Amino acid sequence: QVQLVESGGGLVQPGGSLRLSCAASGSFFSGNVMEWYRQAPGKQRELVATITSGGSTNYAASVKGRFTISRDNAKKMVYLQMTGLKPEDTAVYYCSYGRTSWGQGTQVTVSS
């Protein structure tokens, strides 16, 4: 079993940046896909970004060009660098390990 803990969320003004981190522990396998999801109030959870073991990435259209996902397998860490933040990016952000393990989430609020 893999445990995930997200951090780095907070309140930021529109146009600002945040870097989310996800720390994995337990039976972590570096070959697994890691993903970031988000869920805004009253909305379904949506996939934001994906990174494979080889470093290939994919992004939701709404964040492409603004967000960057990365991973450090040796440290069992996954990151989400977010720039150009918009109010519509406000949500709880979750890290996922192979869609079998999930963290508790970290709140991101974009507001002036």
N, C-alpha and C. Protein backbone atom coordinates (compact mmCIF):
# COMPACT_ATOMS: atom_id res chain seq x y z
N GLN A 1 0.84 -1.19 0.00
CA GLN A 1 0.00 0.00 0.00
C GLN A 1 0.88 1.24 0.00
N VAL A 2 0.43 2.24 -0.75
CA VAL A 2 1.16 3.50 -0.85
C VAL A 2 0.37 4.59 -0.15
N GLN A 3 1.05 5.36 0.65
CA GLN A 3 0.44 6.52 1.30
C GLN A 3 0.95 7.79 0.63
N LEU A 4 0.05 8.75 0.44
CA LEU A 4 0.38 9.99 -0.23
C LEU A 4 -0.01 11.18 0.65
N VAL A 5 0.87 12.17 0.71
CA VAL A 5 0.59 13.37 1.48
C VAL A 5 0.91 14.58 0.61
N GLU A 6 -0.13 15.38 0.34
CA GLU A 6 0.06 16.59 -0.45
C GLU A 6 0.35 17.79 0.44
N SER A 7 1.05 18.76 -0.11
CA SER A 7 1.32 20.00 0.61
C SER A 7 1.57 21.10 -0.42
N GLY A 8 1.60 22.34 0.08
CA GLY A 8 1.93 23.46 -0.78
C GLY A 8 0.76 24.33 -1.20
N GLY A 9 -0.44 23.93 -0.84
CA GLY A 9 -1.60 24.73 -1.19
C GLY A 9 -1.66 26.02 -0.38
N GLY A 10 -2.60 26.88 -0.74
CA GLY A 10 -2.75 28.13 -0.02
C GLY A 10 -3.58 29.12 -0.79
N LEU A 11 -3.56 30.36 -0.31
CA LEU A 11 -4.29 31.45 -0.95
C LEU A 11 -3.31 32.26 -1.80
N VAL A 12 -3.68 32.49 -3.04
CA VAL A 12 -2.81 33.24 -3.95
C VAL A 12 -3.66 34.16 -4.80
N GLN A 13 -3.10 35.26 -5.21
CA GLN A 13 -3.82 36.20 -6.06
C GLN A 13 -3.83 35.72 -7.51
N PRO A 14 -4.81 36.14 -8.28
CA PRO A 14 -4.82 35.78 -9.70
C PRO A 14 -3.51 36.19 -10.37
N GLY A 15 -3.00 35.30 -11.19
CA GLY A 15 -1.72 35.53 -11.84
C GLY A 15 -0.54 34.99 -11.06
N GLY A 16 -0.77 34.58 -9.84
CA GLY A 16 0.30 34.09 -8.99
C GLY A 16 0.68 32.65 -9.27
N SER A 17 1.61 32.16 -8.46
CA SER A 17 2.13 30.80 -8.65
C SER A 17 2.14 30.04 -7.33
N LEU A 18 2.04 28.73 -7.45
CA LEU A 18 2.17 27.83 -6.31
C LEU A 18 2.84 26.56 -6.80
N ARG A 19 3.53 25.90 -5.88
CA ARG A 19 4.10 24.60 -6.20
C ARG A 19 3.56 23.59 -5.20
N LEU A 20 2.82 22.63 -5.71
CA LEU A 20 2.30 21.55 -4.87
C LEU A 20 3.29 20.40 -4.85
N SER A 21 3.36 19.74 -3.70
CA SER A 21 4.21 18.57 -3.55
C SER A 21 3.39 17.39 -3.07
N CYS A 22 3.79 16.21 -3.48
CA CYS A 22 3.13 14.98 -3.05
C CYS A 22 4.23 14.01 -2.64
N ALA A 23 4.23 13.65 -1.36
CA ALA A 23 5.22 12.72 -0.82
C ALA A 23 4.60 11.34 -0.71
N ALA A 24 5.27 10.34 -1.29
CA ALA A 24 4.78 8.97 -1.25
C ALA A 24 5.60 8.14 -0.28
N SER A 25 4.95 7.20 0.36
CA SER A 25 5.65 6.27 1.23
C SER A 25 4.97 4.92 1.11
N GLY A 26 5.64 3.89 1.62
CA GLY A 26 5.09 2.55 1.51
C GLY A 26 5.63 1.84 0.29
N SER A 27 4.81 0.99 -0.29
CA SER A 27 5.23 0.14 -1.40
C SER A 27 5.18 0.89 -2.73
N PHE A 28 5.97 1.95 -2.80
CA PHE A 28 5.97 2.81 -3.98
C PHE A 28 6.75 2.16 -5.10
N PHE A 29 6.13 2.08 -6.28
CA PHE A 29 6.78 1.53 -7.45
C PHE A 29 6.97 2.65 -8.46
N SER A 30 8.21 2.94 -8.79
CA SER A 30 8.49 4.09 -9.64
C SER A 30 7.94 3.94 -11.04
N GLY A 31 7.56 2.73 -11.43
CA GLY A 31 7.02 2.51 -12.76
C GLY A 31 5.57 2.89 -12.92
N ASN A 32 4.96 3.29 -11.84
CA ASN A 32 3.54 3.60 -11.88
C ASN A 32 3.30 5.04 -12.33
N VAL A 33 2.15 5.25 -12.93
CA VAL A 33 1.75 6.59 -13.34
C VAL A 33 1.34 7.40 -12.12
N MET A 34 1.74 8.66 -12.10
CA MET A 34 1.33 9.57 -11.03
C MET A 34 0.49 10.68 -11.65
N GLU A 35 -0.52 11.10 -10.92
CA GLU A 35 -1.44 12.11 -11.46
C GLU A 35 -1.82 13.12 -10.39
N TRP A 36 -2.22 14.28 -10.85
CA TRP A 36 -2.85 15.29 -10.00
C TRP A 36 -4.28 15.48 -10.48
N TYR A 37 -5.19 15.49 -9.52
CA TYR A 37 -6.60 15.77 -9.78
C TYR A 37 -6.98 16.99 -8.95
N ARG A 38 -8.13 17.55 -9.28
CA ARG A 38 -8.68 18.61 -8.46
C ARG A 38 -10.20 18.50 -8.42
N GLN A 39 -10.75 19.03 -7.34
CA GLN A 39 -12.20 19.03 -7.19
C GLN A 39 -12.63 20.36 -6.60
N ALA A 40 -13.41 21.08 -7.37
CA ALA A 40 -13.96 22.36 -6.92
C ALA A 40 -15.31 22.10 -6.25
N PRO A 41 -15.75 23.01 -5.40
CA PRO A 41 -17.04 22.84 -4.72
C PRO A 41 -18.18 22.62 -5.71
N GLY A 42 -18.95 21.58 -5.48
CA GLY A 42 -20.10 21.32 -6.34
C GLY A 42 -19.77 20.71 -7.68
N LYS A 43 -18.49 20.38 -7.91
CA LYS A 43 -18.09 19.82 -9.20
C LYS A 43 -17.44 18.46 -9.00
N GLN A 44 -17.39 17.70 -10.10
CA GLN A 44 -16.75 16.41 -10.06
C GLN A 44 -15.24 16.56 -10.05
N ARG A 45 -14.58 15.54 -9.52
CA ARG A 45 -13.12 15.54 -9.54
C ARG A 45 -12.65 15.42 -10.99
N GLU A 46 -11.66 16.22 -11.35
CA GLU A 46 -11.16 16.20 -12.71
C GLU A 46 -9.65 15.98 -12.74
N LEU A 47 -9.20 15.31 -13.78
CA LEU A 47 -7.79 15.04 -13.98
C LEU A 47 -7.11 16.31 -14.47
N VAL A 48 -6.02 16.67 -13.82
CA VAL A 48 -5.29 17.89 -14.16
C VAL A 48 -4.03 17.57 -14.96
N ALA A 49 -3.25 16.61 -14.46
CA ALA A 49 -1.97 16.31 -15.10
C ALA A 49 -1.54 14.89 -14.79
N THR A 50 -0.82 14.30 -15.75
CA THR A 50 -0.34 12.92 -15.64
C THR A 50 1.14 12.88 -15.99
N ILE A 51 1.87 12.04 -15.27
CA ILE A 51 3.27 11.80 -15.63
C ILE A 51 3.56 10.31 -15.50
N THR A 52 4.18 9.76 -16.56
CA THR A 52 4.53 8.34 -16.55
C THR A 52 5.88 8.14 -15.88
N SER A 53 6.25 6.87 -15.74
CA SER A 53 7.54 6.57 -15.13
C SER A 53 8.69 7.12 -15.96
N GLY A 54 8.48 7.20 -17.27
CA GLY A 54 9.53 7.71 -18.14
C GLY A 54 9.54 9.21 -18.28
N GLY A 55 8.59 9.88 -17.63
CA GLY A 55 8.57 11.34 -17.65
C GLY A 55 7.66 11.96 -18.70
N SER A 56 6.92 11.13 -19.43
CA SER A 56 5.96 11.69 -20.38
C SER A 56 4.81 12.34 -19.63
N THR A 57 4.36 13.47 -20.11
CA THR A 57 3.33 14.23 -19.40
C THR A 57 2.12 14.51 -20.27
N ASN A 58 1.01 14.73 -19.61
CA ASN A 58 -0.21 15.11 -20.30
C ASN A 58 -1.00 16.02 -19.38
N TYR A 59 -1.71 16.98 -19.98
CA TYR A 59 -2.40 17.99 -19.18
C TYR A 59 -3.83 18.19 -19.66
N ALA A 60 -4.67 18.60 -18.75
CA ALA A 60 -6.01 19.04 -19.13
C ALA A 60 -5.87 20.32 -19.94
N ALA A 61 -6.77 20.50 -20.89
CA ALA A 61 -6.70 21.68 -21.75
C ALA A 61 -6.73 22.98 -20.96
N SER A 62 -7.45 22.96 -19.85
CA SER A 62 -7.63 24.17 -19.05
C SER A 62 -6.36 24.63 -18.34
N VAL A 63 -5.37 23.74 -18.21
CA VAL A 63 -4.15 24.10 -17.49
C VAL A 63 -2.90 24.03 -18.36
N LYS A 64 -3.04 23.53 -19.56
CA LYS A 64 -1.89 23.35 -20.44
C LYS A 64 -1.20 24.68 -20.69
N GLY A 65 0.12 24.68 -20.54
CA GLY A 65 0.89 25.90 -20.72
C GLY A 65 1.07 26.69 -19.43
N ARG A 66 0.30 26.33 -18.41
CA ARG A 66 0.40 27.04 -17.12
C ARG A 66 0.91 26.13 -16.01
N PHE A 67 0.56 24.86 -16.07
CA PHE A 67 0.95 23.91 -15.03
C PHE A 67 2.02 22.96 -15.56
N THR A 68 2.90 22.53 -14.67
CA THR A 68 3.93 21.56 -15.03
C THR A 68 4.02 20.49 -13.96
N ILE A 69 3.87 19.24 -14.37
CA ILE A 69 4.00 18.12 -13.45
C ILE A 69 5.40 17.53 -13.59
N SER A 70 5.97 17.12 -12.47
CA SER A 70 7.28 16.49 -12.49
C SER A 70 7.35 15.47 -11.36
N ARG A 71 8.35 14.61 -11.42
CA ARG A 71 8.50 13.59 -10.37
C ARG A 71 9.97 13.34 -10.10
N ASP A 72 10.24 12.92 -8.88
CA ASP A 72 11.58 12.51 -8.46
C ASP A 72 11.40 11.13 -7.83
N ASN A 73 11.65 10.09 -8.60
CA ASN A 73 11.40 8.74 -8.12
C ASN A 73 12.30 8.38 -6.93
N ALA A 74 13.51 8.86 -6.94
CA ALA A 74 14.44 8.54 -5.85
C ALA A 74 13.92 9.09 -4.51
N LYS A 75 13.28 10.24 -4.58
CA LYS A 75 12.73 10.86 -3.37
C LYS A 75 11.26 10.49 -3.15
N LYS A 76 10.68 9.77 -4.11
CA LYS A 76 9.27 9.40 -4.04
C LYS A 76 8.39 10.65 -3.94
N MET A 77 8.68 11.60 -4.80
CA MET A 77 7.96 12.87 -4.79
C MET A 77 7.38 13.17 -6.17
N VAL A 78 6.22 13.83 -6.17
CA VAL A 78 5.62 14.33 -7.38
C VAL A 78 5.26 15.80 -7.13
N TYR A 79 5.43 16.62 -8.14
CA TYR A 79 5.22 18.05 -7.97
C TYR A 79 4.24 18.57 -9.03
N LEU A 80 3.60 19.67 -8.70
CA LEU A 80 2.77 20.37 -9.67
C LEU A 80 3.10 21.85 -9.54
N GLN A 81 3.83 22.37 -10.51
CA GLN A 81 4.14 23.79 -10.54
C GLN A 81 3.00 24.50 -11.27
N MET A 82 2.38 25.44 -10.61
CA MET A 82 1.22 26.14 -11.16
C MET A 82 1.56 27.61 -11.30
N THR A 83 1.42 28.13 -12.50
CA THR A 83 1.66 29.54 -12.76
C THR A 83 0.44 30.14 -13.44
N GLY A 84 0.38 31.46 -13.48
CA GLY A 84 -0.75 32.11 -14.11
C GLY A 84 -2.08 31.68 -13.54
N LEU A 85 -2.14 31.53 -12.23
CA LEU A 85 -3.33 30.98 -11.60
C LEU A 85 -4.55 31.88 -11.80
N LYS A 86 -5.69 31.23 -11.96
CA LYS A 86 -6.96 31.91 -12.19
C LYS A 86 -7.95 31.52 -11.10
N PRO A 87 -8.95 32.34 -10.85
CA PRO A 87 -9.95 31.98 -9.84
C PRO A 87 -10.58 30.61 -10.10
N GLU A 88 -10.72 30.24 -11.34
CA GLU A 88 -11.32 28.94 -11.66
C GLU A 88 -10.40 27.77 -11.35
N ASP A 89 -9.17 28.03 -10.97
CA ASP A 89 -8.27 26.97 -10.53
C ASP A 89 -8.49 26.63 -9.05
N THR A 90 -9.34 27.39 -8.38
CA THR A 90 -9.63 27.13 -6.98
C THR A 90 -10.26 25.77 -6.81
N ALA A 91 -9.65 24.94 -5.97
CA ALA A 91 -10.12 23.57 -5.77
C ALA A 91 -9.24 22.90 -4.72
N VAL A 92 -9.67 21.72 -4.31
CA VAL A 92 -8.80 20.85 -3.53
C VAL A 92 -8.04 19.98 -4.53
N TYR A 93 -6.74 19.95 -4.40
CA TYR A 93 -5.88 19.21 -5.33
C TYR A 93 -5.41 17.91 -4.66
N TYR A 94 -5.55 16.83 -5.42
CA TYR A 94 -5.22 15.50 -4.91
C TYR A 94 -4.15 14.85 -5.77
N CYS A 95 -3.28 14.14 -5.11
CA CYS A 95 -2.26 13.34 -5.78
C CYS A 95 -2.77 11.90 -5.87
N SER A 96 -2.48 11.25 -6.96
CA SER A 96 -2.90 9.86 -7.15
C SER A 96 -1.73 9.00 -7.61
N TYR A 97 -1.66 7.81 -7.02
CA TYR A 97 -0.65 6.81 -7.41
C TYR A 97 -1.39 5.70 -8.15
N GLY A 98 -1.23 5.69 -9.45
CA GLY A 98 -1.85 4.63 -10.24
C GLY A 98 -3.34 4.53 -10.07
N ARG A 99 -3.95 5.59 -9.61
CA ARG A 99 -5.41 5.63 -9.36
C ARG A 99 -5.84 4.57 -8.36
N THR A 100 -4.89 4.12 -7.54
CA THR A 100 -5.22 3.16 -6.49
C THR A 100 -5.03 3.75 -5.10
N SER A 101 -4.20 4.77 -4.98
CA SER A 101 -4.00 5.44 -3.71
C SER A 101 -4.17 6.94 -3.92
N TRP A 102 -4.72 7.60 -2.91
CA TRP A 102 -5.00 9.03 -2.98
C TRP A 102 -4.55 9.70 -1.69
N GLY A 103 -4.13 10.94 -1.83
CA GLY A 103 -3.81 11.73 -0.66
C GLY A 103 -5.07 12.38 -0.10
N GLN A 104 -4.87 13.18 0.95
CA GLN A 104 -6.00 13.82 1.60
C GLN A 104 -6.38 15.14 0.93
N GLY A 105 -5.51 15.61 0.05
CA GLY A 105 -5.77 16.82 -0.69
C GLY A 105 -5.18 18.06 -0.04
N THR A 106 -4.95 19.08 -0.85
CA THR A 106 -4.47 20.36 -0.37
C THR A 106 -5.28 21.46 -1.07
N GLN A 107 -5.73 22.42 -0.29
CA GLN A 107 -6.62 23.46 -0.81
C GLN A 107 -5.83 24.54 -1.53
N VAL A 108 -6.27 24.88 -2.73
CA VAL A 108 -5.73 26.00 -3.48
C VAL A 108 -6.86 26.99 -3.71
N THR A 109 -6.65 28.21 -3.27
CA THR A 109 -7.65 29.27 -3.45
C THR A 109 -7.01 30.44 -4.19
N VAL A 110 -7.61 30.79 -5.30
CA VAL A 110 -7.10 31.90 -6.11
C VAL A 110 -8.12 33.03 -6.03
N SER A 111 -7.73 34.09 -5.35
CA SER A 111 -8.66 35.18 -5.13
C SER A 111 -7.90 36.46 -4.81
N SER A 112 -8.48 37.58 -5.21
CA SER A 112 -7.88 38.87 -4.87
C SER A 112 -8.50 39.41 -3.59
